[in-house]
């Protein structure tokens, strides 16, 4: 090399290319981590929105709950047994509501079968069947019998098992859990009401709680 000429050696060029490669790799890794964190956050937000949407619908259905009765065993000369049309279990309930998914607040009252079933891939899903309520006698076809809760004189209906079908609405999917609880008056004098997993008391519950959480 003649004196006064500028230039770089092969070693300097290799070092520069290596540093540039490491810097580019670091930027790509940082971008990948950021996108992954964004994707997880977005997925979590969507799960939470889905659960919140299901809770809003369930709240509207509960706000429209009607205190109606059913004639169990009516027909063929039998007058039937009049019972409260409500059934509460840890994994679902029967009730009549003025709110429905198909008609909102404007349609006729519906018998709602809210229940929990296994999810297609994992977890569970909350679903609902809607059946038009045509009166005490019409609802009797879904009643398999009656029973009297201990310590009461109220007759409660025992309904047929529920099942999902092509007309079943999925309120929320991919849930880690979904369970029901019923605010039940105490049978002991001066004792406050308590939350119970099964409704077995007079009339209708003071409140209904539906707990659910998205699957992780």
N, C-alpha and C. Protein backbone atom coordinates (compact mmCIF):
# COMPACT_ATOMS: atom_id res chain seq x y z
N UNK A 1 0.86 -1.20 0.00
CA UNK A 1 0.00 0.00 0.00
C UNK A 1 0.89 1.25 0.00
N UNK A 2 0.57 2.18 -0.87
CA UNK A 2 1.38 3.39 -0.94
C UNK A 2 0.99 4.32 0.17
N UNK A 3 1.96 5.13 0.63
CA UNK A 3 1.72 6.08 1.71
C UNK A 3 0.66 7.09 1.28
N UNK A 4 -0.25 7.41 2.19
CA UNK A 4 -1.30 8.39 1.92
C UNK A 4 -2.61 7.78 1.44
N UNK A 5 -2.68 6.49 1.06
CA UNK A 5 -3.91 5.86 0.65
C UNK A 5 -4.70 5.35 1.86
N UNK A 6 -6.03 5.60 1.87
CA UNK A 6 -6.90 5.13 2.95
C UNK A 6 -7.49 3.77 2.58
N UNK A 7 -7.82 2.94 3.60
CA UNK A 7 -8.39 1.63 3.34
C UNK A 7 -8.54 0.84 4.63
N UNK A 8 -9.14 -0.33 4.52
CA UNK A 8 -9.32 -1.22 5.67
C UNK A 8 -8.74 -2.57 5.33
N UNK A 9 -8.39 -3.26 6.39
CA UNK A 9 -7.87 -4.60 6.19
C UNK A 9 -9.02 -5.60 6.17
N UNK A 10 -8.74 -6.81 5.75
CA UNK A 10 -9.75 -7.87 5.71
C UNK A 10 -10.26 -8.19 7.11
N UNK A 11 -9.40 -8.15 8.10
CA UNK A 11 -9.80 -8.44 9.48
C UNK A 11 -10.78 -7.39 9.99
N UNK A 12 -10.49 -6.10 9.68
CA UNK A 12 -11.40 -5.04 10.10
C UNK A 12 -12.77 -5.18 9.44
N UNK A 13 -12.77 -5.59 8.16
CA UNK A 13 -14.04 -5.78 7.47
C UNK A 13 -14.85 -6.92 8.08
N UNK A 14 -14.17 -8.02 8.43
CA UNK A 14 -14.86 -9.16 9.06
C UNK A 14 -15.43 -8.76 10.41
N UNK A 15 -14.66 -7.99 11.17
CA UNK A 15 -15.14 -7.55 12.49
C UNK A 15 -16.37 -6.65 12.34
N UNK A 16 -16.34 -5.75 11.36
CA UNK A 16 -17.47 -4.85 11.15
C UNK A 16 -18.72 -5.61 10.74
N UNK A 17 -18.57 -6.59 9.83
CA UNK A 17 -19.72 -7.39 9.41
C UNK A 17 -20.27 -8.20 10.57
N UNK A 18 -19.37 -8.74 11.40
CA UNK A 18 -19.82 -9.54 12.56
C UNK A 18 -20.61 -8.69 13.54
N UNK A 19 -20.11 -7.48 13.82
CA UNK A 19 -20.82 -6.59 14.75
C UNK A 19 -22.19 -6.18 14.20
N UNK A 20 -22.22 -5.90 12.87
CA UNK A 20 -23.50 -5.55 12.26
C UNK A 20 -24.48 -6.71 12.33
N UNK A 21 -24.00 -7.95 12.13
CA UNK A 21 -24.86 -9.13 12.21
C UNK A 21 -25.40 -9.31 13.63
N UNK A 22 -24.53 -9.13 14.62
CA UNK A 22 -24.98 -9.26 16.01
C UNK A 22 -26.01 -8.20 16.37
N UNK A 23 -25.80 -6.97 15.88
CA UNK A 23 -26.76 -5.90 16.15
C UNK A 23 -28.11 -6.20 15.50
N UNK A 24 -28.07 -6.70 14.25
CA UNK A 24 -29.32 -7.05 13.56
C UNK A 24 -30.03 -8.19 14.27
N UNK A 25 -29.28 -9.20 14.72
CA UNK A 25 -29.88 -10.32 15.43
C UNK A 25 -30.54 -9.86 16.72
N UNK A 26 -29.85 -8.93 17.44
CA UNK A 26 -30.43 -8.41 18.68
C UNK A 26 -31.73 -7.67 18.43
N UNK A 27 -31.78 -6.88 17.35
CA UNK A 27 -33.00 -6.15 17.03
C UNK A 27 -34.14 -7.10 16.66
N UNK A 28 -33.82 -8.15 15.89
CA UNK A 28 -34.84 -9.13 15.51
C UNK A 28 -35.38 -9.85 16.74
N UNK A 29 -34.49 -10.24 17.66
CA UNK A 29 -34.93 -10.94 18.87
C UNK A 29 -35.81 -10.03 19.74
N UNK A 30 -35.42 -8.74 19.85
CA UNK A 30 -36.22 -7.81 20.64
C UNK A 30 -37.59 -7.62 20.01
N UNK A 31 -37.64 -7.52 18.68
CA UNK A 31 -38.91 -7.38 17.98
C UNK A 31 -39.79 -8.62 18.16
N UNK A 32 -39.15 -9.78 18.12
CA UNK A 32 -39.90 -11.03 18.28
C UNK A 32 -40.49 -11.14 19.68
N UNK A 33 -39.70 -10.79 20.69
CA UNK A 33 -40.20 -10.83 22.07
C UNK A 33 -41.35 -9.85 22.25
N UNK A 34 -41.21 -8.66 21.66
CA UNK A 34 -42.27 -7.66 21.77
C UNK A 34 -43.57 -8.11 21.11
N UNK A 35 -43.45 -8.70 19.91
CA UNK A 35 -44.64 -9.19 19.21
C UNK A 35 -45.29 -10.34 19.96
N UNK A 36 -44.47 -11.23 20.56
CA UNK A 36 -45.01 -12.34 21.32
C UNK A 36 -45.78 -11.84 22.56
N UNK A 37 -45.20 -10.86 23.24
CA UNK A 37 -45.88 -10.29 24.41
C UNK A 37 -47.17 -9.59 24.01
N UNK A 38 -47.15 -8.90 22.86
CA UNK A 38 -48.36 -8.23 22.37
C UNK A 38 -49.44 -9.26 22.03
N UNK A 39 -49.03 -10.37 21.38
CA UNK A 39 -50.00 -11.40 21.02
C UNK A 39 -50.64 -12.02 22.24
N UNK A 40 -49.84 -12.30 23.29
CA UNK A 40 -50.38 -12.88 24.51
C UNK A 40 -51.34 -11.91 25.21
N UNK A 41 -50.95 -10.63 25.24
CA UNK A 41 -51.81 -9.63 25.87
C UNK A 41 -53.13 -9.49 25.12
N UNK A 42 -53.06 -9.47 23.78
CA UNK A 42 -54.27 -9.37 22.97
C UNK A 42 -55.17 -10.58 23.16
N UNK A 43 -54.57 -11.77 23.23
CA UNK A 43 -55.35 -12.99 23.44
C UNK A 43 -56.03 -12.97 24.81
N UNK A 44 -55.30 -12.50 25.83
CA UNK A 44 -55.88 -12.42 27.18
C UNK A 44 -57.02 -11.42 27.22
N UNK A 45 -56.85 -10.28 26.54
CA UNK A 45 -57.92 -9.29 26.51
C UNK A 45 -59.16 -9.83 25.81
N UNK A 46 -58.96 -10.58 24.71
CA UNK A 46 -60.10 -11.16 24.01
C UNK A 46 -60.83 -12.18 24.87
N UNK A 47 -60.05 -12.98 25.62
CA UNK A 47 -60.67 -13.95 26.53
C UNK A 47 -61.50 -13.24 27.60
N UNK A 48 -60.93 -12.18 28.16
CA UNK A 48 -61.64 -11.44 29.20
C UNK A 48 -62.90 -10.77 28.64
N UNK A 49 -62.81 -10.25 27.41
CA UNK A 49 -63.99 -9.64 26.78
C UNK A 49 -65.07 -10.67 26.52
N UNK A 50 -64.65 -11.88 26.12
CA UNK A 50 -65.62 -12.94 25.85
C UNK A 50 -66.36 -13.33 27.12
N UNK A 51 -65.63 -13.45 28.23
CA UNK A 51 -66.25 -13.79 29.51
C UNK A 51 -67.16 -12.65 29.97
N UNK A 52 -66.69 -11.40 29.80
CA UNK A 52 -67.51 -10.26 30.21
C UNK A 52 -68.80 -10.19 29.40
N UNK A 53 -68.71 -10.51 28.10
CA UNK A 53 -69.91 -10.53 27.26
C UNK A 53 -70.90 -11.58 27.71
N UNK A 54 -70.41 -12.77 28.05
CA UNK A 54 -71.28 -13.83 28.54
C UNK A 54 -71.93 -13.44 29.87
N UNK A 55 -71.18 -12.77 30.72
CA UNK A 55 -71.73 -12.35 32.01
C UNK A 55 -72.82 -11.29 31.83
N UNK A 56 -72.64 -10.41 30.85
CA UNK A 56 -73.67 -9.39 30.59
C UNK A 56 -74.97 -10.05 30.12
N UNK A 57 -74.84 -11.02 29.22
CA UNK A 57 -76.04 -11.71 28.73
C UNK A 57 -76.74 -12.45 29.88
N UNK A 58 -75.94 -13.17 30.69
CA UNK A 58 -76.51 -13.90 31.82
C UNK A 58 -77.19 -12.94 32.80
N UNK A 59 -76.59 -11.77 32.99
CA UNK A 59 -77.19 -10.78 33.89
C UNK A 59 -78.54 -10.30 33.36
N UNK A 60 -78.62 -10.05 32.06
CA UNK A 60 -79.90 -9.64 31.47
C UNK A 60 -80.95 -10.73 31.59
N UNK A 61 -80.54 -11.97 31.40
CA UNK A 61 -81.49 -13.07 31.54
C UNK A 61 -81.99 -13.18 32.97
N UNK A 62 -81.10 -12.98 33.93
CA UNK A 62 -81.51 -13.04 35.33
C UNK A 62 -82.38 -11.84 35.71
N UNK A 63 -82.10 -10.67 35.14
CA UNK A 63 -82.92 -9.50 35.42
C UNK A 63 -84.34 -9.69 34.92
N UNK A 64 -84.51 -10.50 33.87
CA UNK A 64 -85.84 -10.73 33.33
C UNK A 64 -86.53 -11.96 33.90
N UNK A 65 -85.97 -12.57 34.93
CA UNK A 65 -86.56 -13.79 35.48
C UNK A 65 -87.98 -13.56 35.98
N UNK A 66 -88.88 -14.49 35.63
CA UNK A 66 -90.28 -14.39 36.01
C UNK A 66 -90.62 -15.47 37.05
N UNK A 67 -91.38 -15.11 38.09
CA UNK A 67 -91.82 -16.11 39.09
C UNK A 67 -93.05 -16.85 38.59
N UNK A 68 -92.84 -17.89 37.81
CA UNK A 68 -93.95 -18.64 37.22
C UNK A 68 -93.93 -20.08 37.73
N UNK A 69 -95.00 -20.82 37.40
CA UNK A 69 -95.16 -22.19 37.87
C UNK A 69 -95.30 -23.15 36.70
N UNK A 70 -95.25 -24.43 37.01
CA UNK A 70 -95.39 -25.47 36.02
C UNK A 70 -96.30 -26.56 36.60
N UNK A 71 -97.13 -27.14 35.73
CA UNK A 71 -97.97 -28.26 36.13
C UNK A 71 -97.29 -29.55 35.72
N UNK A 72 -96.74 -30.25 36.68
CA UNK A 72 -96.04 -31.50 36.41
C UNK A 72 -97.03 -32.67 36.40
N UNK A 73 -97.01 -33.46 35.36
CA UNK A 73 -97.86 -34.63 35.27
C UNK A 73 -99.29 -34.35 34.86
N UNK A 74 -99.54 -33.16 34.29
CA UNK A 74 -100.90 -32.83 33.86
C UNK A 74 -101.23 -33.57 32.57
N UNK A 75 -102.48 -33.97 32.42
CA UNK A 75 -102.92 -34.65 31.21
C UNK A 75 -103.50 -36.02 31.52
N UNK A 76 -104.28 -36.55 30.58
CA UNK A 76 -104.90 -37.86 30.71
C UNK A 76 -105.71 -37.97 32.01
N UNK A 77 -106.51 -36.93 32.28
CA UNK A 77 -107.38 -36.94 33.44
C UNK A 77 -106.73 -36.49 34.72
N UNK A 78 -105.42 -36.25 34.72
CA UNK A 78 -104.73 -35.81 35.93
C UNK A 78 -104.54 -34.30 35.89
N UNK A 79 -104.91 -33.59 36.98
CA UNK A 79 -104.75 -32.14 36.98
C UNK A 79 -103.29 -31.71 37.08
N UNK A 80 -102.42 -32.63 37.50
CA UNK A 80 -101.01 -32.30 37.64
C UNK A 80 -100.71 -31.66 38.98
N UNK A 81 -99.43 -31.56 39.27
CA UNK A 81 -98.96 -30.95 40.52
C UNK A 81 -98.31 -29.62 40.20
N UNK A 82 -98.80 -28.56 40.83
CA UNK A 82 -98.27 -27.22 40.58
C UNK A 82 -96.97 -27.03 41.37
N UNK A 83 -95.93 -26.60 40.66
CA UNK A 83 -94.63 -26.43 41.30
C UNK A 83 -93.93 -25.20 40.75
N UNK A 84 -92.97 -24.72 41.51
CA UNK A 84 -92.16 -23.57 41.09
C UNK A 84 -91.32 -23.96 39.87
N UNK A 85 -91.35 -23.13 38.84
CA UNK A 85 -90.54 -23.40 37.66
C UNK A 85 -89.17 -22.75 37.85
N UNK A 86 -88.36 -23.43 38.59
CA UNK A 86 -86.96 -23.04 38.78
C UNK A 86 -86.22 -24.25 39.29
N UNK A 87 -85.04 -24.48 38.74
CA UNK A 87 -84.19 -25.55 39.21
C UNK A 87 -82.75 -25.09 39.18
N UNK A 88 -82.06 -25.21 40.28
CA UNK A 88 -80.68 -24.74 40.37
C UNK A 88 -79.73 -25.82 40.80
N UNK A 89 -78.67 -26.01 40.01
CA UNK A 89 -77.63 -26.99 40.31
C UNK A 89 -76.27 -26.31 40.13
N UNK A 90 -75.19 -26.94 40.58
CA UNK A 90 -73.87 -26.32 40.44
C UNK A 90 -73.45 -26.09 38.99
N UNK A 91 -73.98 -26.91 38.06
CA UNK A 91 -73.56 -26.80 36.67
C UNK A 91 -74.66 -26.32 35.73
N UNK A 92 -75.74 -25.73 36.28
CA UNK A 92 -76.77 -25.21 35.41
C UNK A 92 -78.07 -24.94 36.15
N UNK A 93 -79.03 -24.33 35.43
CA UNK A 93 -80.32 -24.04 36.04
C UNK A 93 -81.40 -23.88 34.98
N UNK A 94 -82.64 -24.05 35.42
CA UNK A 94 -83.85 -23.80 34.62
C UNK A 94 -84.53 -22.56 35.19
N UNK A 95 -85.04 -21.71 34.31
CA UNK A 95 -85.85 -20.57 34.76
C UNK A 95 -86.61 -20.02 33.56
N UNK A 96 -87.52 -19.09 33.83
CA UNK A 96 -88.26 -18.39 32.78
C UNK A 96 -87.85 -16.92 32.83
N UNK A 97 -87.54 -16.36 31.66
CA UNK A 97 -87.08 -14.98 31.58
C UNK A 97 -87.78 -14.26 30.44
N UNK A 98 -87.96 -12.95 30.62
CA UNK A 98 -88.52 -12.11 29.55
C UNK A 98 -87.46 -11.70 28.55
N UNK A 99 -86.19 -12.02 28.81
CA UNK A 99 -85.10 -11.70 27.89
C UNK A 99 -84.63 -12.97 27.20
N UNK A 100 -84.41 -12.87 25.89
CA UNK A 100 -83.88 -14.00 25.13
C UNK A 100 -82.86 -13.50 24.13
N UNK A 101 -81.98 -14.38 23.69
CA UNK A 101 -80.97 -14.00 22.71
C UNK A 101 -81.59 -13.71 21.35
N UNK A 102 -82.64 -14.42 21.01
CA UNK A 102 -83.25 -14.26 19.70
C UNK A 102 -84.10 -12.99 19.59
N UNK A 103 -84.82 -12.64 20.66
CA UNK A 103 -85.77 -11.54 20.58
C UNK A 103 -85.50 -10.41 21.55
N UNK A 104 -84.44 -10.51 22.34
CA UNK A 104 -84.13 -9.46 23.30
C UNK A 104 -85.23 -9.33 24.34
N UNK A 105 -85.61 -8.07 24.62
CA UNK A 105 -86.66 -7.81 25.61
C UNK A 105 -88.05 -7.74 24.97
N UNK A 106 -88.15 -7.93 23.64
CA UNK A 106 -89.42 -7.69 22.96
C UNK A 106 -90.23 -8.97 22.72
N UNK A 107 -89.65 -10.11 22.90
CA UNK A 107 -90.35 -11.35 22.58
C UNK A 107 -91.14 -11.92 23.74
N UNK A 108 -91.69 -13.10 23.52
CA UNK A 108 -92.45 -13.77 24.57
C UNK A 108 -91.50 -14.41 25.57
N UNK A 109 -91.97 -14.67 26.79
CA UNK A 109 -91.11 -15.30 27.80
C UNK A 109 -90.56 -16.64 27.31
N UNK A 110 -89.35 -16.92 27.75
CA UNK A 110 -88.67 -18.15 27.34
C UNK A 110 -88.26 -18.97 28.57
N UNK A 111 -88.41 -20.29 28.44
CA UNK A 111 -87.79 -21.19 29.42
C UNK A 111 -86.32 -21.30 29.04
N UNK A 112 -85.45 -20.94 29.95
CA UNK A 112 -84.01 -20.96 29.68
C UNK A 112 -83.36 -22.13 30.40
N UNK A 113 -82.63 -22.91 29.65
CA UNK A 113 -81.81 -23.98 30.22
C UNK A 113 -80.35 -23.53 30.11
N UNK A 114 -79.83 -22.99 31.17
CA UNK A 114 -78.41 -22.60 31.22
C UNK A 114 -77.62 -23.74 31.81
N UNK A 115 -76.61 -24.22 31.09
CA UNK A 115 -75.84 -25.34 31.64
C UNK A 115 -74.43 -25.36 31.06
N UNK A 116 -73.58 -26.13 31.69
CA UNK A 116 -72.15 -26.21 31.34
C UNK A 116 -71.87 -27.55 30.69
N UNK A 117 -71.13 -27.52 29.58
CA UNK A 117 -70.74 -28.75 28.89
C UNK A 117 -69.24 -28.70 28.62
N UNK A 118 -68.61 -29.86 28.34
CA UNK A 118 -67.18 -29.84 28.01
C UNK A 118 -66.93 -29.09 26.71
N UNK A 119 -65.76 -28.43 26.63
CA UNK A 119 -65.38 -27.73 25.42
C UNK A 119 -64.90 -28.70 24.34
N UNK A 120 -64.82 -28.20 23.11
CA UNK A 120 -64.40 -29.06 22.01
C UNK A 120 -62.94 -29.48 22.13
N UNK A 121 -62.08 -28.55 22.57
CA UNK A 121 -60.66 -28.86 22.69
C UNK A 121 -60.26 -29.06 24.15
N UNK A 122 -60.59 -28.08 24.98
CA UNK A 122 -60.25 -28.15 26.40
C UNK A 122 -61.18 -27.24 27.17
N UNK A 123 -61.15 -27.37 28.49
CA UNK A 123 -61.99 -26.53 29.32
C UNK A 123 -63.46 -26.85 29.17
N UNK A 124 -64.30 -25.87 29.49
CA UNK A 124 -65.75 -26.04 29.42
C UNK A 124 -66.35 -24.84 28.70
N UNK A 125 -67.64 -24.97 28.37
CA UNK A 125 -68.36 -23.87 27.73
C UNK A 125 -69.72 -23.71 28.39
N UNK A 126 -70.19 -22.46 28.45
CA UNK A 126 -71.52 -22.15 28.98
C UNK A 126 -72.47 -21.99 27.81
N UNK A 127 -73.58 -22.75 27.82
CA UNK A 127 -74.53 -22.74 26.71
C UNK A 127 -75.95 -22.53 27.26
N UNK A 128 -76.89 -22.24 26.35
CA UNK A 128 -78.27 -22.03 26.77
C UNK A 128 -79.21 -22.54 25.69
N UNK A 129 -80.27 -23.19 26.13
CA UNK A 129 -81.40 -23.55 25.27
C UNK A 129 -82.57 -22.63 25.60
N UNK A 130 -83.26 -22.16 24.56
CA UNK A 130 -84.42 -21.31 24.76
C UNK A 130 -85.67 -22.01 24.25
N UNK A 131 -86.67 -22.12 25.12
CA UNK A 131 -87.94 -22.78 24.79
C UNK A 131 -89.07 -21.82 25.12
N UNK A 132 -89.95 -21.50 24.17
CA UNK A 132 -91.06 -20.58 24.47
C UNK A 132 -91.90 -21.09 25.64
N UNK A 133 -92.20 -20.19 26.57
CA UNK A 133 -93.05 -20.53 27.71
C UNK A 133 -94.50 -20.26 27.33
N UNK A 134 -95.27 -21.32 27.25
CA UNK A 134 -96.67 -21.21 26.81
C UNK A 134 -97.65 -21.38 27.97
N UNK A 135 -97.15 -21.38 29.18
CA UNK A 135 -98.04 -21.53 30.33
C UNK A 135 -97.65 -22.72 31.19
N UNK A 136 -98.35 -22.86 32.31
CA UNK A 136 -98.04 -23.91 33.28
C UNK A 136 -98.19 -25.30 32.67
N UNK A 137 -99.26 -25.51 31.94
CA UNK A 137 -99.52 -26.84 31.38
C UNK A 137 -98.54 -27.16 30.25
N UNK A 138 -98.24 -26.20 29.40
CA UNK A 138 -97.31 -26.43 28.31
C UNK A 138 -95.91 -26.75 28.81
N UNK A 139 -95.50 -26.10 29.89
CA UNK A 139 -94.17 -26.36 30.44
C UNK A 139 -94.09 -27.71 31.15
N UNK A 140 -95.26 -28.30 31.45
CA UNK A 140 -95.27 -29.57 32.18
C UNK A 140 -94.62 -30.72 31.44
N UNK A 141 -94.51 -30.64 30.11
CA UNK A 141 -93.89 -31.73 29.36
C UNK A 141 -92.40 -31.88 29.65
N UNK A 142 -91.79 -30.84 30.22
CA UNK A 142 -90.37 -30.90 30.55
C UNK A 142 -90.12 -31.27 32.00
N UNK A 143 -91.20 -31.52 32.74
CA UNK A 143 -91.09 -31.82 34.17
C UNK A 143 -91.24 -33.33 34.38
N UNK A 144 -90.29 -33.91 35.10
CA UNK A 144 -90.34 -35.34 35.38
C UNK A 144 -90.93 -35.67 36.74
N UNK A 145 -91.19 -34.65 37.54
CA UNK A 145 -91.74 -34.89 38.88
C UNK A 145 -91.54 -33.68 39.77
N UNK A 146 -91.92 -33.80 41.02
CA UNK A 146 -91.75 -32.71 41.98
C UNK A 146 -91.14 -33.26 43.26
N UNK A 147 -90.62 -32.34 44.07
CA UNK A 147 -90.10 -32.72 45.38
C UNK A 147 -90.27 -31.55 46.33
N UNK A 148 -90.30 -31.84 47.61
CA UNK A 148 -90.44 -30.82 48.64
C UNK A 148 -89.11 -30.68 49.38
N UNK A 149 -88.45 -29.52 49.31
CA UNK A 149 -87.19 -29.34 50.03
C UNK A 149 -87.37 -29.52 51.52
N UNK A 150 -86.36 -30.01 52.21
CA UNK A 150 -86.47 -30.20 53.66
C UNK A 150 -86.78 -28.89 54.38
N UNK A 151 -87.72 -28.94 55.31
CA UNK A 151 -88.06 -27.78 56.12
C UNK A 151 -88.98 -26.78 55.44
N UNK A 152 -89.53 -27.12 54.26
CA UNK A 152 -90.42 -26.21 53.57
C UNK A 152 -91.70 -26.94 53.16
N UNK A 153 -92.67 -26.16 52.66
CA UNK A 153 -93.89 -26.76 52.12
C UNK A 153 -94.00 -26.45 50.63
N UNK A 154 -92.97 -25.86 50.08
CA UNK A 154 -92.98 -25.47 48.67
C UNK A 154 -92.65 -26.67 47.80
N UNK A 155 -93.38 -26.81 46.69
CA UNK A 155 -93.11 -27.87 45.73
C UNK A 155 -92.20 -27.33 44.63
N UNK A 156 -91.08 -28.00 44.41
CA UNK A 156 -90.16 -27.63 43.34
C UNK A 156 -90.22 -28.68 42.24
N UNK A 157 -90.05 -28.23 41.02
CA UNK A 157 -90.11 -29.14 39.88
C UNK A 157 -88.77 -29.82 39.67
N UNK A 158 -88.84 -31.07 39.26
CA UNK A 158 -87.65 -31.82 38.85
C UNK A 158 -87.74 -31.98 37.33
N UNK A 159 -86.81 -31.35 36.62
CA UNK A 159 -86.92 -31.31 35.17
C UNK A 159 -86.11 -32.43 34.51
N UNK A 160 -86.43 -32.66 33.23
CA UNK A 160 -85.72 -33.66 32.46
C UNK A 160 -84.27 -33.22 32.22
N UNK A 161 -83.37 -34.18 32.02
CA UNK A 161 -81.97 -33.81 31.75
C UNK A 161 -81.84 -32.95 30.50
N UNK A 162 -80.92 -32.01 30.53
CA UNK A 162 -80.71 -31.12 29.38
C UNK A 162 -79.63 -31.68 28.47
N UNK A 163 -79.65 -31.26 27.22
CA UNK A 163 -78.65 -31.71 26.25
C UNK A 163 -78.47 -30.63 25.20
N UNK A 164 -77.26 -30.51 24.68
CA UNK A 164 -76.97 -29.55 23.62
C UNK A 164 -77.48 -30.08 22.29
N UNK A 165 -77.94 -29.17 21.42
CA UNK A 165 -78.44 -29.53 20.09
C UNK A 165 -77.98 -28.48 19.09
N UNK A 166 -78.48 -28.57 17.88
CA UNK A 166 -78.09 -27.63 16.83
C UNK A 166 -78.63 -26.22 17.10
N UNK A 167 -79.63 -26.10 17.95
CA UNK A 167 -80.21 -24.79 18.27
C UNK A 167 -79.66 -24.21 19.57
N UNK A 168 -78.73 -24.90 20.19
CA UNK A 168 -78.14 -24.42 21.45
C UNK A 168 -77.20 -23.25 21.18
N UNK A 169 -77.32 -22.19 21.98
CA UNK A 169 -76.45 -21.02 21.86
C UNK A 169 -75.25 -21.19 22.80
N UNK A 170 -74.07 -20.91 22.28
CA UNK A 170 -72.86 -20.92 23.09
C UNK A 170 -72.63 -19.51 23.62
N UNK A 171 -72.78 -19.32 24.91
CA UNK A 171 -72.58 -18.01 25.52
C UNK A 171 -71.10 -17.71 25.71
N UNK A 172 -70.34 -18.71 26.10
CA UNK A 172 -68.90 -18.51 26.29
C UNK A 172 -68.19 -19.85 26.16
N UNK A 173 -67.04 -19.81 25.47
CA UNK A 173 -66.26 -21.02 25.22
C UNK A 173 -64.87 -20.87 25.82
N UNK A 174 -64.14 -21.99 25.88
CA UNK A 174 -62.76 -22.01 26.38
C UNK A 174 -62.66 -21.41 27.78
N UNK A 175 -63.51 -21.93 28.67
CA UNK A 175 -63.50 -21.49 30.07
C UNK A 175 -62.74 -22.49 30.93
N UNK A 176 -62.01 -21.98 31.90
CA UNK A 176 -61.34 -22.86 32.86
C UNK A 176 -62.36 -23.51 33.78
N UNK A 177 -63.39 -22.75 34.16
CA UNK A 177 -64.47 -23.28 34.98
C UNK A 177 -65.69 -22.39 34.83
N UNK A 178 -66.84 -22.92 35.17
CA UNK A 178 -68.09 -22.16 35.22
C UNK A 178 -69.00 -22.86 36.22
N UNK A 179 -69.40 -22.15 37.26
CA UNK A 179 -70.23 -22.76 38.30
C UNK A 179 -71.28 -21.77 38.79
N UNK A 180 -72.38 -22.33 39.28
CA UNK A 180 -73.52 -21.54 39.74
C UNK A 180 -73.62 -21.63 41.26
N UNK A 181 -74.16 -20.56 41.86
CA UNK A 181 -74.45 -20.55 43.29
C UNK A 181 -75.72 -19.74 43.51
N UNK A 182 -76.45 -20.06 44.59
CA UNK A 182 -77.77 -19.48 44.83
C UNK A 182 -77.84 -18.92 46.25
N UNK A 183 -78.26 -17.65 46.35
CA UNK A 183 -78.34 -16.99 47.65
C UNK A 183 -79.60 -17.46 48.34
N UNK A 184 -79.42 -18.30 49.36
CA UNK A 184 -80.52 -19.04 49.96
C UNK A 184 -80.82 -18.55 51.37
N UNK A 185 -82.09 -18.23 51.68
CA UNK A 185 -82.44 -17.84 53.06
C UNK A 185 -82.14 -18.98 54.03
N UNK A 186 -81.73 -18.63 55.21
CA UNK A 186 -81.43 -19.63 56.23
C UNK A 186 -82.71 -20.20 56.84
N UNK A 187 -82.68 -21.46 57.18
CA UNK A 187 -83.82 -22.09 57.85
C UNK A 187 -83.78 -21.86 59.36
N UNK A 188 -82.68 -21.25 59.84
CA UNK A 188 -82.52 -20.93 61.25
C UNK A 188 -82.89 -19.48 61.50
N UNK A 189 -83.68 -19.22 62.53
CA UNK A 189 -84.14 -17.88 62.84
C UNK A 189 -82.96 -16.95 63.08
N UNK A 190 -83.03 -15.75 62.51
CA UNK A 190 -82.04 -14.68 62.66
C UNK A 190 -80.69 -14.99 62.02
N UNK A 191 -80.61 -16.06 61.26
CA UNK A 191 -79.37 -16.36 60.54
C UNK A 191 -79.44 -15.73 59.15
N UNK A 192 -78.33 -15.14 58.66
CA UNK A 192 -78.36 -14.49 57.34
C UNK A 192 -78.39 -15.51 56.21
N UNK A 193 -78.80 -15.09 55.02
CA UNK A 193 -78.76 -16.00 53.87
C UNK A 193 -77.32 -16.40 53.54
N UNK A 194 -77.18 -17.52 52.86
CA UNK A 194 -75.87 -18.01 52.47
C UNK A 194 -75.90 -18.45 51.00
N UNK A 195 -74.72 -18.50 50.39
CA UNK A 195 -74.60 -18.99 49.02
C UNK A 195 -74.52 -20.50 49.04
N UNK A 196 -75.39 -21.16 48.27
CA UNK A 196 -75.43 -22.61 48.21
C UNK A 196 -75.25 -23.07 46.76
N UNK A 197 -74.58 -24.21 46.54
CA UNK A 197 -74.37 -24.69 45.16
C UNK A 197 -75.62 -25.29 44.52
N UNK A 198 -76.63 -25.61 45.34
CA UNK A 198 -77.87 -26.20 44.83
C UNK A 198 -79.06 -25.49 45.45
N UNK A 199 -80.08 -25.21 44.63
CA UNK A 199 -81.28 -24.56 45.14
C UNK A 199 -82.26 -25.61 45.63
N UNK A 200 -82.57 -25.56 46.91
CA UNK A 200 -83.52 -26.51 47.50
C UNK A 200 -84.24 -25.80 48.65
N UNK A 201 -84.92 -24.71 48.32
CA UNK A 201 -85.63 -23.93 49.32
C UNK A 201 -86.95 -23.45 48.73
N UNK A 202 -87.71 -22.72 49.51
CA UNK A 202 -89.02 -22.25 49.08
C UNK A 202 -88.90 -21.17 48.02
N UNK A 203 -89.74 -21.25 47.00
CA UNK A 203 -89.81 -20.19 46.00
C UNK A 203 -88.58 -20.09 45.10
N UNK A 204 -88.08 -18.86 44.99
CA UNK A 204 -86.95 -18.57 44.11
C UNK A 204 -85.78 -18.01 44.93
N UNK A 205 -84.56 -18.14 44.43
CA UNK A 205 -83.41 -17.62 45.19
C UNK A 205 -83.42 -16.10 45.26
N UNK A 206 -82.78 -15.56 46.29
CA UNK A 206 -82.66 -14.11 46.43
C UNK A 206 -81.73 -13.53 45.38
N UNK A 207 -80.77 -14.33 44.94
CA UNK A 207 -79.83 -13.91 43.91
C UNK A 207 -79.17 -15.16 43.33
N UNK A 208 -78.62 -15.01 42.15
CA UNK A 208 -77.89 -16.10 41.49
C UNK A 208 -76.50 -15.57 41.11
N UNK A 209 -75.49 -16.38 41.37
CA UNK A 209 -74.13 -16.00 41.03
C UNK A 209 -73.56 -17.02 40.04
N UNK A 210 -72.98 -16.53 38.94
CA UNK A 210 -72.34 -17.38 37.96
C UNK A 210 -70.86 -17.00 37.90
N UNK A 211 -70.01 -17.88 38.34
CA UNK A 211 -68.57 -17.63 38.34
C UNK A 211 -67.93 -18.34 37.14
N UNK A 212 -67.09 -17.62 36.41
CA UNK A 212 -66.40 -18.22 35.28
C UNK A 212 -65.07 -17.51 35.06
N UNK A 213 -64.15 -18.21 34.41
CA UNK A 213 -62.84 -17.63 34.12
C UNK A 213 -62.32 -18.26 32.84
N UNK A 214 -61.62 -17.48 32.00
CA UNK A 214 -61.08 -18.05 30.76
C UNK A 214 -59.97 -19.03 31.04
N UNK A 215 -59.86 -20.05 30.19
CA UNK A 215 -58.78 -21.01 30.32
C UNK A 215 -57.46 -20.33 30.00
N UNK A 216 -56.43 -20.68 30.71
CA UNK A 216 -55.11 -20.07 30.49
C UNK A 216 -54.46 -20.65 29.24
